Protein backbone atom coordinates (compact mmCIF):
# COMPACT_ATOMS: atom_id res chain seq x y z
CA GLN A 1 24.03 2.45 11.90
CA GLU A 2 21.09 1.77 9.78
CA GLN A 3 21.60 2.75 6.15
CA LEU A 4 17.91 2.96 5.37
CA VAL A 5 15.38 5.05 7.31
CA GLU A 6 11.66 4.36 6.99
CA SER A 7 9.16 6.99 7.84
CA GLY A 8 5.44 7.91 7.28
CA GLY A 9 3.76 5.23 9.39
CA GLY A 10 0.94 6.03 11.96
CA LEU A 11 -2.56 5.23 12.99
CA VAL A 12 -5.14 5.19 10.37
CA GLU A 13 -8.81 4.07 10.21
CA PRO A 14 -9.78 1.30 7.93
CA GLY A 15 -10.14 2.47 4.24
CA GLY A 16 -7.57 5.25 4.95
CA SER A 17 -4.26 5.84 3.13
CA LEU A 18 -0.55 6.18 4.14
CA ARG A 19 2.55 6.92 2.21
CA LEU A 20 5.74 5.34 3.51
CA SER A 21 9.10 6.56 2.58
CA CYS A 22 12.54 4.90 2.73
CA ALA A 23 15.55 7.10 2.51
CA ALA A 24 19.13 5.93 2.13
CA SER A 25 21.70 7.51 4.39
CA LYS A 26 24.21 6.96 1.54
CA ILE A 27 24.21 5.78 -1.90
CA ILE A 28 24.06 2.03 -2.07
CA MET A 29 25.80 0.75 -5.25
CA SER A 30 24.64 -2.03 -7.55
CA VAL A 31 21.21 -2.31 -6.07
CA ARG A 32 19.35 -5.23 -7.72
CA ALA A 33 15.93 -4.58 -6.04
CA VAL A 34 14.26 -2.71 -3.31
CA ALA A 35 11.53 -4.24 -1.36
CA TRP A 36 9.05 -3.40 1.45
CA TYR A 37 8.57 -6.01 4.09
CA ARG A 38 6.09 -6.03 6.97
CA GLN A 39 5.90 -7.99 10.29
CA ALA A 40 2.92 -8.17 12.55
CA PRO A 41 3.26 -9.23 16.17
CA GLY A 42 3.61 -13.10 16.37
CA LYS A 43 3.75 -13.42 12.59
CA GLN A 44 6.52 -14.09 10.21
CA ARG A 45 7.98 -11.14 8.24
CA GLU A 46 6.60 -11.06 4.72
CA MET A 47 7.58 -9.32 1.64
CA VAL A 48 4.80 -6.91 0.53
CA ALA A 49 6.19 -5.31 -2.53
CA THR A 50 9.38 -5.11 -4.69
CA ILE A 51 10.78 -2.79 -7.47
CA SER A 52 13.58 -3.82 -9.66
CA THR A 53 16.25 -1.75 -11.42
CA GLY A 54 14.26 -1.90 -14.43
CA GLY A 55 11.07 -0.73 -12.71
CA SER A 56 9.30 -3.97 -12.60
CA THR A 57 7.10 -4.32 -9.64
CA SER A 58 5.43 -7.21 -7.79
CA TYR A 59 3.11 -7.39 -4.84
CA ILE A 60 1.77 -9.99 -2.45
CA ASP A 61 -1.75 -11.00 -3.42
CA SER A 62 -3.25 -9.40 -0.43
CA VAL A 63 -2.14 -5.91 -1.34
CA LYS A 64 -2.49 -5.97 -5.08
CA GLY A 65 -4.45 -3.03 -6.33
CA ARG A 66 -4.11 -1.25 -3.00
CA PHE A 67 -0.39 -0.71 -2.50
CA PHE A 68 1.97 0.74 -4.96
CA ILE A 69 5.71 0.78 -4.79
CA SER A 70 7.87 3.48 -6.53
CA ARG A 71 11.59 4.31 -6.62
CA ASP A 72 13.46 7.73 -7.04
CA ASP A 73 17.03 6.95 -7.57
CA PRO A 74 18.34 10.48 -7.74
CA LYS A 75 16.78 11.04 -4.21
CA ASN A 76 17.96 7.58 -3.09
CA ALA A 77 14.37 7.01 -1.91
CA VAL A 78 11.63 4.40 -2.29
CA TYR A 79 8.04 4.83 -1.41
CA LEU A 80 5.09 2.64 -0.67
CA GLN A 81 1.65 4.21 -1.27
CA MET A 82 -0.95 2.35 0.70
CA ASN A 83 -4.65 2.76 -0.01
CA SER A 84 -7.82 1.15 1.29
CA LEU A 85 -6.04 0.09 4.37
CA LYS A 86 -7.28 -2.83 6.31
CA PRO A 87 -6.68 -3.97 9.98
CA GLU A 88 -4.74 -6.88 8.51
CA ASP A 89 -2.27 -4.47 7.24
CA THR A 90 -1.24 -3.57 10.72
CA ALA A 91 2.57 -4.28 11.10
CA VAL A 92 6.02 -2.75 11.30
CA TYR A 93 6.96 -1.96 7.79
CA TYR A 94 10.59 -2.23 6.63
CA CYS A 95 12.52 -1.25 3.51
CA ASN A 96 15.12 -3.55 2.16
CA ALA A 97 17.67 -2.88 -0.53
CA GLN A 98 19.66 -5.76 -2.09
CA SER A 99 23.26 -5.18 -3.29
CA GLY A 100 25.08 -8.31 -4.36
CA SER A 101 24.64 -10.70 -1.53
CA VAL A 102 24.09 -7.94 1.11
CA GLY A 103 20.72 -6.76 2.20
CA PHE A 104 20.24 -3.34 3.82
CA TRP A 105 17.54 -2.64 6.31
CA GLY A 106 16.01 0.24 8.28
CA GLN A 107 14.51 0.29 11.71
CA GLY A 108 11.05 -0.04 10.51
CA THR A 109 7.85 2.22 10.80
CA GLN A 110 4.75 1.23 12.63
CA VAL A 111 1.54 1.12 10.64
CA THR A 112 -1.67 0.60 12.78
CA VAL A 113 -5.04 0.31 11.01
CA SER A 114 -7.81 0.36 13.51
CA SER A 115 -11.24 1.85 14.10
């Protein structure tokens, strides 16, 4: 069973916003970093945003200034606030948590940006 569950995706018009949530079904120990990935049909999965245990964040160039990743350890949750969405953002979004050499994934949540 997946240990991470993504939610919050949906259909939105260009320029709109969505907030994705990633909830852990159990506490994952020794997490080094959490990241959001996305994969569009026929395209390679790409890392969109990361947040470290120290709170440092990084983003792929195409989402800088529009997407914001945050982490709430007491709630075992990670969020991705997506603003000014573009059709090119359409993809299935996945949450990933790295613990040691193991990566944990959820089932993904679909984000569709279309007019």
